Amino acid sequence: MEKQIFLIPNISCAHCVLSIKNKLSELEGINTVEGNADEKSITVAWELPATLEKIKNTLKKINYPAV
């Protein structure tokens, strides 16, 4: 299992975090998604078939690109 913290400048509130959690949770292989609106960060734990590239692409598609 892999785990990474993503910094996402577009996060402005708890609703943003919830939107990201809901969308990433749809990806097969995502184990956990936790977010912090104050720190503008999302922590994701995953295993195959989810990949770092798929997670980043999903974040970009929903207008929350990671930096």
PDB file of N, CA and C in Angstrom:
ATOM      1  N   MET A   1       0.842  -1.180   0.000  1.00  0.00           N
ATOM      2  CA  MET A   1       0.000   0.000   0.000  1.00  0.00           C
ATOM      3  C   MET A   1       0.887   1.243   0.000  1.00  0.00           C
ATOM      4  N   GLU A   2       0.477   2.227  -0.761  1.00  0.00           N
ATOM      5  CA  GLU A   2       1.201   3.495  -0.812  1.00  0.00           C
ATOM      6  C   GLU A   2       0.362   4.578  -0.157  1.00  0.00           C
ATOM      7  N   LYS A   3       1.038   5.615   0.306  1.00  0.00           N
ATOM      8  CA  LYS A   3       0.350   6.728   0.958  1.00  0.00           C
ATOM      9  C   LYS A   3       1.088   8.010   0.629  1.00  0.00           C
ATOM     10  N   GLN A   4       0.324   9.061   0.326  1.00  0.00           N
ATOM     11  CA  GLN A   4       0.962  10.338  -0.008  1.00  0.00           C
ATOM     12  C   GLN A   4       0.055  11.492   0.392  1.00  0.00           C
ATOM     13  N   ILE A   5       0.702  12.597   0.747  1.00  0.00           N
ATOM     14  CA  ILE A   5      -0.019  13.844   1.030  1.00  0.00           C
ATOM     15  C   ILE A   5       0.070  14.719  -0.213  1.00  0.00           C
ATOM     16  N   PHE A   6      -1.079  15.205  -0.660  1.00  0.00           N
ATOM     17  CA  PHE A   6      -1.149  16.080  -1.825  1.00  0.00           C
ATOM     18  C   PHE A   6      -1.522  17.482  -1.358  1.00  0.00           C
ATOM     19  N   LEU A   7      -0.769  18.480  -1.791  1.00  0.00           N
ATOM     20  CA  LEU A   7      -1.097  19.876  -1.497  1.00  0.00           C
ATOM     21  C   LEU A   7      -1.956  20.395  -2.652  1.00  0.00           C
ATOM     22  N   ILE A   8      -3.133  20.928  -2.315  1.00  0.00           N
ATOM     23  CA  ILE A   8      -4.103  21.355  -3.318  1.00  0.00           C
ATOM     24  C   ILE A   8      -4.551  22.778  -3.002  1.00  0.00           C
ATOM     25  N   PRO A   9      -3.945  23.767  -3.667  1.00  0.00           N
ATOM     26  CA  PRO A   9      -4.249  25.173  -3.374  1.00  0.00           C
ATOM     27  C   PRO A   9      -5.719  25.565  -3.550  1.00  0.00           C
ATOM     28  N   ASN A  10      -6.464  24.858  -4.403  1.00  0.00           N
ATOM     29  CA  ASN A  10      -7.867  25.207  -4.667  1.00  0.00           C
ATOM     30  C   ASN A  10      -8.806  24.858  -3.512  1.00  0.00           C
ATOM     31  N   ILE A  11      -8.347  24.136  -2.514  1.00  0.00           N
ATOM     32  CA  ILE A  11      -9.209  23.796  -1.377  1.00  0.00           C
ATOM     33  C   ILE A  11      -9.458  25.060  -0.566  1.00  0.00           C
ATOM     34  N   SER A  12     -10.748  25.365  -0.364  1.00  0.00           N
ATOM     35  CA  SER A  12     -11.079  26.556   0.421  1.00  0.00           C
ATOM     36  C   SER A  12     -11.976  26.254   1.615  1.00  0.00           C
ATOM     37  N   CYS A  13     -12.566  25.043   1.652  1.00  0.00           N
ATOM     38  CA  CYS A  13     -13.486  24.738   2.752  1.00  0.00           C
ATOM     39  C   CYS A  13     -13.667  23.227   2.887  1.00  0.00           C
ATOM     40  N   ALA A  14     -14.438  22.843   3.897  1.00  0.00           N
ATOM     41  CA  ALA A  14     -14.693  21.426   4.149  1.00  0.00           C
ATOM     42  C   ALA A  14     -15.467  20.778   2.997  1.00  0.00           C
ATOM     43  N   HIS A  15     -16.297  21.568   2.309  1.00  0.00           N
ATOM     44  CA  HIS A  15     -17.043  21.016   1.175  1.00  0.00           C
ATOM     45  C   HIS A  15     -16.096  20.601   0.055  1.00  0.00           C
ATOM     46  N   CYS A  16     -15.044  21.375  -0.162  1.00  0.00           N
ATOM     47  CA  CYS A  16     -14.035  21.012  -1.162  1.00  0.00           C
ATOM     48  C   CYS A  16     -13.406  19.667  -0.805  1.00  0.00           C
ATOM     49  N   VAL A  17     -13.053  19.502   0.458  1.00  0.00           N
ATOM     50  CA  VAL A  17     -12.448  18.254   0.921  1.00  0.00           C
ATOM     51  C   VAL A  17     -13.410  17.096   0.690  1.00  0.00           C
ATOM     52  N   LEU A  18     -14.678  17.295   1.008  1.00  0.00           N
ATOM     53  CA  LEU A  18     -15.679  16.245   0.826  1.00  0.00           C
ATOM     54  C   LEU A  18     -15.833  15.882  -0.650  1.00  0.00           C
ATOM     55  N   SER A  19     -15.843  16.874  -1.515  1.00  0.00           N
ATOM     56  CA  SER A  19     -15.947  16.615  -2.954  1.00  0.00           C
ATOM     57  C   SER A  19     -14.775  15.769  -3.443  1.00  0.00           C
ATOM     58  N   ILE A  20     -13.584  16.101  -2.986  1.00  0.00           N
ATOM     59  CA  ILE A  20     -12.387  15.344  -3.377  1.00  0.00           C
ATOM     60  C   ILE A  20     -12.468  13.923  -2.836  1.00  0.00           C
ATOM     61  N   LYS A  21     -12.845  13.785  -1.565  1.00  0.00           N
ATOM     62  CA  LYS A  21     -12.963  12.452  -0.958  1.00  0.00           C
ATOM     63  C   LYS A  21     -13.929  11.585  -1.744  1.00  0.00           C
ATOM     64  N   ASN A  22     -15.088  12.148  -2.078  1.00  0.00           N
ATOM     65  CA  ASN A  22     -16.108  11.377  -2.798  1.00  0.00           C
ATOM     66  C   ASN A  22     -15.606  10.927  -4.163  1.00  0.00           C
ATOM     67  N   LYS A  23     -14.951  11.815  -4.885  1.00  0.00           N
ATOM     68  CA  LYS A  23     -14.492  11.478  -6.239  1.00  0.00           C
ATOM     69  C   LYS A  23     -13.340  10.477  -6.203  1.00  0.00           C
ATOM     70  N   LEU A  24     -12.367  10.687  -5.325  1.00  0.00           N
ATOM     71  CA  LEU A  24     -11.240   9.753  -5.262  1.00  0.00           C
ATOM     72  C   LEU A  24     -11.675   8.377  -4.766  1.00  0.00           C
ATOM     73  N   SER A  25     -12.663   8.337  -3.894  1.00  0.00           N
ATOM     74  CA  SER A  25     -13.145   7.061  -3.361  1.00  0.00           C
ATOM     75  C   SER A  25     -13.784   6.191  -4.445  1.00  0.00           C
ATOM     76  N   GLU A  26     -14.158   6.801  -5.557  1.00  0.00           N
ATOM     77  CA  GLU A  26     -14.728   6.044  -6.674  1.00  0.00           C
ATOM     78  C   GLU A  26     -13.666   5.238  -7.420  1.00  0.00           C
ATOM     79  N   LEU A  27     -12.394   5.602  -7.268  1.00  0.00           N
ATOM     80  CA  LEU A  27     -11.319   4.878  -7.946  1.00  0.00           C
ATOM     81  C   LEU A  27     -11.078   3.541  -7.257  1.00  0.00           C
ATOM     82  N   GLU A  28     -10.983   2.492  -8.053  1.00  0.00           N
ATOM     83  CA  GLU A  28     -10.712   1.168  -7.502  1.00  0.00           C
ATOM     84  C   GLU A  28      -9.289   1.135  -6.942  1.00  0.00           C
ATOM     85  N   GLY A  29      -9.140   0.653  -5.720  1.00  0.00           N
ATOM     86  CA  GLY A  29      -7.830   0.555  -5.080  1.00  0.00           C
ATOM     87  C   GLY A  29      -7.572   1.631  -4.042  1.00  0.00           C
ATOM     88  N   ILE A  30      -8.456   2.641  -3.958  1.00  0.00           N
ATOM     89  CA  ILE A  30      -8.294   3.688  -2.946  1.00  0.00           C
ATOM     90  C   ILE A  30      -8.737   3.121  -1.597  1.00  0.00           C
ATOM     91  N   ASN A  31      -7.863   3.196  -0.600  1.00  0.00           N
ATOM     92  CA  ASN A  31      -8.186   2.689   0.732  1.00  0.00           C
ATOM     93  C   ASN A  31      -8.743   3.776   1.642  1.00  0.00           C
ATOM     94  N   THR A  32      -8.042   4.916   1.721  1.00  0.00           N
ATOM     95  CA  THR A  32      -8.515   6.022   2.557  1.00  0.00           C
ATOM     96  C   THR A  32      -8.192   7.353   1.897  1.00  0.00           C
ATOM     97  N   VAL A  33      -9.066   8.314   2.165  1.00  0.00           N
ATOM     98  CA  VAL A  33      -8.845   9.693   1.732  1.00  0.00           C
ATOM     99  C   VAL A  33      -9.195  10.572   2.917  1.00  0.00           C
ATOM    100  N   GLU A  34      -8.233  11.333   3.391  1.00  0.00           N
ATOM    101  CA  GLU A  34      -8.458  12.254   4.503  1.00  0.00           C
ATOM    102  C   GLU A  34      -7.998  13.632   4.061  1.00  0.00           C
ATOM    103  N   GLY A  35      -8.713  14.659   4.499  1.00  0.00           N
ATOM    104  CA  GLY A  35      -8.352  15.994   4.068  1.00  0.00           C
ATOM    105  C   GLY A  35      -8.312  16.997   5.198  1.00  0.00           C
ATOM    106  N   ASN A  36      -7.594  18.083   4.954  1.00  0.00           N
ATOM    107  CA  ASN A  36      -7.503  19.178   5.904  1.00  0.00           C
ATOM    108  C   ASN A  36      -7.648  20.481   5.124  1.00  0.00           C
ATOM    109  N   ALA A  37      -8.809  21.132   5.268  1.00  0.00           N
ATOM    110  CA  ALA A  37      -9.071  22.360   4.518  1.00  0.00           C
ATOM    111  C   ALA A  37      -8.119  23.481   4.920  1.00  0.00           C
ATOM    112  N   ASP A  38      -7.778  23.573   6.197  1.00  0.00           N
ATOM    113  CA  ASP A  38      -6.881  24.637   6.663  1.00  0.00           C
ATOM    114  C   ASP A  38      -5.483  24.518   6.062  1.00  0.00           C
ATOM    115  N   GLU A  39      -5.008  23.281   5.926  1.00  0.00           N
ATOM    116  CA  GLU A  39      -3.676  23.048   5.359  1.00  0.00           C
ATOM    117  C   GLU A  39      -3.715  22.868   3.845  1.00  0.00           C
ATOM    118  N   LYS A  40      -4.930  22.856   3.279  1.00  0.00           N
ATOM    119  CA  LYS A  40      -5.116  22.647   1.836  1.00  0.00           C
ATOM    120  C   LYS A  40      -4.427  21.363   1.387  1.00  0.00           C
ATOM    121  N   SER A  41      -4.677  20.284   2.131  1.00  0.00           N
ATOM    122  CA  SER A  41      -4.022  19.012   1.827  1.00  0.00           C
ATOM    123  C   SER A  41      -5.001  17.844   1.888  1.00  0.00           C
ATOM    124  N   ILE A  42      -4.646  16.809   1.134  1.00  0.00           N
ATOM    125  CA  ILE A  42      -5.391  15.560   1.104  1.00  0.00           C
ATOM    126  C   ILE A  42      -4.371  14.441   1.283  1.00  0.00           C
ATOM    127  N   THR A  43      -4.665  13.496   2.163  1.00  0.00           N
ATOM    128  CA  THR A  43      -3.811  12.329   2.341  1.00  0.00           C
ATOM    129  C   THR A  43      -4.549  11.127   1.766  1.00  0.00           C
ATOM    130  N   VAL A  44      -3.893  10.432   0.846  1.00  0.00           N
ATOM    131  CA  VAL A  44      -4.521   9.298   0.164  1.00  0.00           C
ATOM    132  C   VAL A  44      -3.670   8.052   0.371  1.00  0.00           C
ATOM    133  N   ALA A  45      -4.332   6.951   0.728  1.00  0.00           N
ATOM    134  CA  ALA A  45      -3.675   5.644   0.812  1.00  0.00           C
ATOM    135  C   ALA A  45      -4.319   4.757  -0.248  1.00  0.00           C
ATOM    136  N   TRP A  46      -3.480   4.059  -1.029  1.00  0.00           N
ATOM    137  CA  TRP A  46      -4.019   3.255  -2.118  1.00  0.00           C
ATOM    138  C   TRP A  46      -3.138   2.046  -2.406  1.00  0.00           C
ATOM    139  N   GLU A  47      -3.718   1.158  -3.203  1.00  0.00           N
ATOM    140  CA  GLU A  47      -3.004   0.006  -3.728  1.00  0.00           C
ATOM    141  C   GLU A  47      -3.491  -0.226  -5.156  1.00  0.00           C
ATOM    142  N   LEU A  48      -2.822  -1.059  -5.887  1.00  0.00           N
ATOM    143  CA  LEU A  48      -3.229  -1.325  -7.266  1.00  0.00           C
ATOM    144  C   LEU A  48      -4.664  -1.835  -7.306  1.00  0.00           C
ATOM    145  N   PRO A  49      -5.437  -1.452  -8.272  1.00  0.00           N
ATOM    146  CA  PRO A  49      -5.064  -0.842  -9.542  1.00  0.00           C
ATOM    147  C   PRO A  49      -4.954   0.687  -9.514  1.00  0.00           C
ATOM    148  N   ALA A  50      -5.204   1.330  -8.378  1.00  0.00           N
ATOM    149  CA  ALA A  50      -5.015   2.785  -8.290  1.00  0.00           C
ATOM    150  C   ALA A  50      -3.522   3.084  -8.403  1.00  0.00           C
ATOM    151  N   THR A  51      -3.205   4.214  -9.025  1.00  0.00           N
ATOM    152  CA  THR A  51      -1.813   4.632  -9.172  1.00  0.00           C
ATOM    153  C   THR A  51      -1.722   6.128  -8.867  1.00  0.00           C
ATOM    154  N   LEU A  52      -0.518   6.581  -8.623  1.00  0.00           N
ATOM    155  CA  LEU A  52      -0.281   7.998  -8.385  1.00  0.00           C
ATOM    156  C   LEU A  52      -0.768   8.816  -9.578  1.00  0.00           C
ATOM    157  N   GLU A  53      -0.503   8.331 -10.769  1.00  0.00           N
ATOM    158  CA  GLU A  53      -0.913   9.037 -11.987  1.00  0.00           C
ATOM    159  C   GLU A  53      -2.441   9.143 -12.075  1.00  0.00           C
ATOM    160  N   LYS A  54      -3.150   8.065 -11.768  1.00  0.00           N
ATOM    161  CA  LYS A  54      -4.619   8.090 -11.816  1.00  0.00           C
ATOM    162  C   LYS A  54      -5.178   9.077 -10.791  1.00  0.00           C
ATOM    163  N   ILE A  55      -4.577   9.114  -9.615  1.00  0.00           N
ATOM    164  CA  ILE A  55      -5.039  10.025  -8.564  1.00  0.00           C
ATOM    165  C   ILE A  55      -4.820  11.471  -9.008  1.00  0.00           C
ATOM    166  N   LYS A  56      -3.628  11.770  -9.498  1.00  0.00           N
ATOM    167  CA  LYS A  56      -3.331  13.137  -9.942  1.00  0.00           C
ATOM    168  C   LYS A  56      -4.227  13.549 -11.104  1.00  0.00           C
ATOM    169  N   ASN A  57      -4.472  12.640 -12.035  1.00  0.00           N
ATOM    170  CA  ASN A  57      -5.341  12.945 -13.168  1.00  0.00           C
ATOM    171  C   ASN A  57      -6.772  13.212 -12.722  1.00  0.00           C
ATOM    172  N   THR A  58      -7.254  12.440 -11.758  1.00  0.00           N
ATOM    173  CA  THR A  58      -8.605  12.643 -11.237  1.00  0.00           C
ATOM    174  C   THR A  58      -8.706  13.997 -10.548  1.00  0.00           C
ATOM    175  N   LEU A  59      -7.710  14.340  -9.753  1.00  0.00           N
ATOM    176  CA  LEU A  59      -7.713  15.647  -9.080  1.00  0.00           C
ATOM    177  C   LEU A  59      -7.726  16.782 -10.103  1.00  0.00           C
ATOM    178  N   LYS A  60      -6.959  16.627 -11.168  1.00  0.00           N
ATOM    179  CA  LYS A  60      -6.909  17.654 -12.205  1.00  0.00           C
ATOM    180  C   LYS A  60      -8.269  17.777 -12.907  1.00  0.00           C
ATOM    181  N   LYS A  61      -8.904  16.642 -13.196  1.00  0.00           N
ATOM    182  CA  LYS A  61     -10.200  16.637 -13.892  1.00  0.00           C
ATOM    183  C   LYS A  61     -11.293  17.336 -13.086  1.00  0.00           C
ATOM    184  N   ILE A  62     -11.225  17.241 -11.761  1.00  0.00           N
ATOM    185  CA  ILE A  62     -12.270  17.845 -10.927  1.00  0.00           C
ATOM    186  C   ILE A  62     -11.860  19.246 -10.429  1.00  0.00           C
ATOM    187  N   ASN A  63     -10.833  19.797 -11.067  1.00  0.00           N
ATOM    188  CA  ASN A  63     -10.368  21.170 -10.804  1.00  0.00           C
ATOM    189  C   ASN A  63      -9.750  21.357  -9.423  1.00  0.00           C
ATOM    190  N   TYR A  64      -9.119  20.313  -8.918  1.00  0.00           N
ATOM    191  CA  TYR A  64      -8.344  20.392  -7.683  1.00  0.00           C
ATOM    192  C   TYR A  64      -6.951  19.811  -7.939  1.00  0.00           C
ATOM    193  N   PRO A  65      -6.187  20.421  -8.861  1.00  0.00           N
ATOM    194  CA  PRO A  65      -4.878  19.850  -9.182  1.00  0.00           C
ATOM    195  C   PRO A  65      -3.910  19.951  -8.010  1.00  0.00           C
ATOM    196  N   ALA A  66      -3.148  18.881  -7.828  1.00  0.00           N
ATOM    197  CA  ALA A  66      -2.129  18.852  -6.778  1.00  0.00           C
ATOM    198  C   ALA A  66      -0.868  19.545  -7.289  1.00  0.00           C
ATOM    199  N   VAL A  67      -0.173  20.226  -6.373  1.00  0.00           N
ATOM    200  CA  VAL A  67       1.086  20.880  -6.751  1.00  0.00           C
ATOM    201  C   VAL A  67       2.276  20.089  -6.260  1.00  0.00           C
TER     202      VAL A  67
END
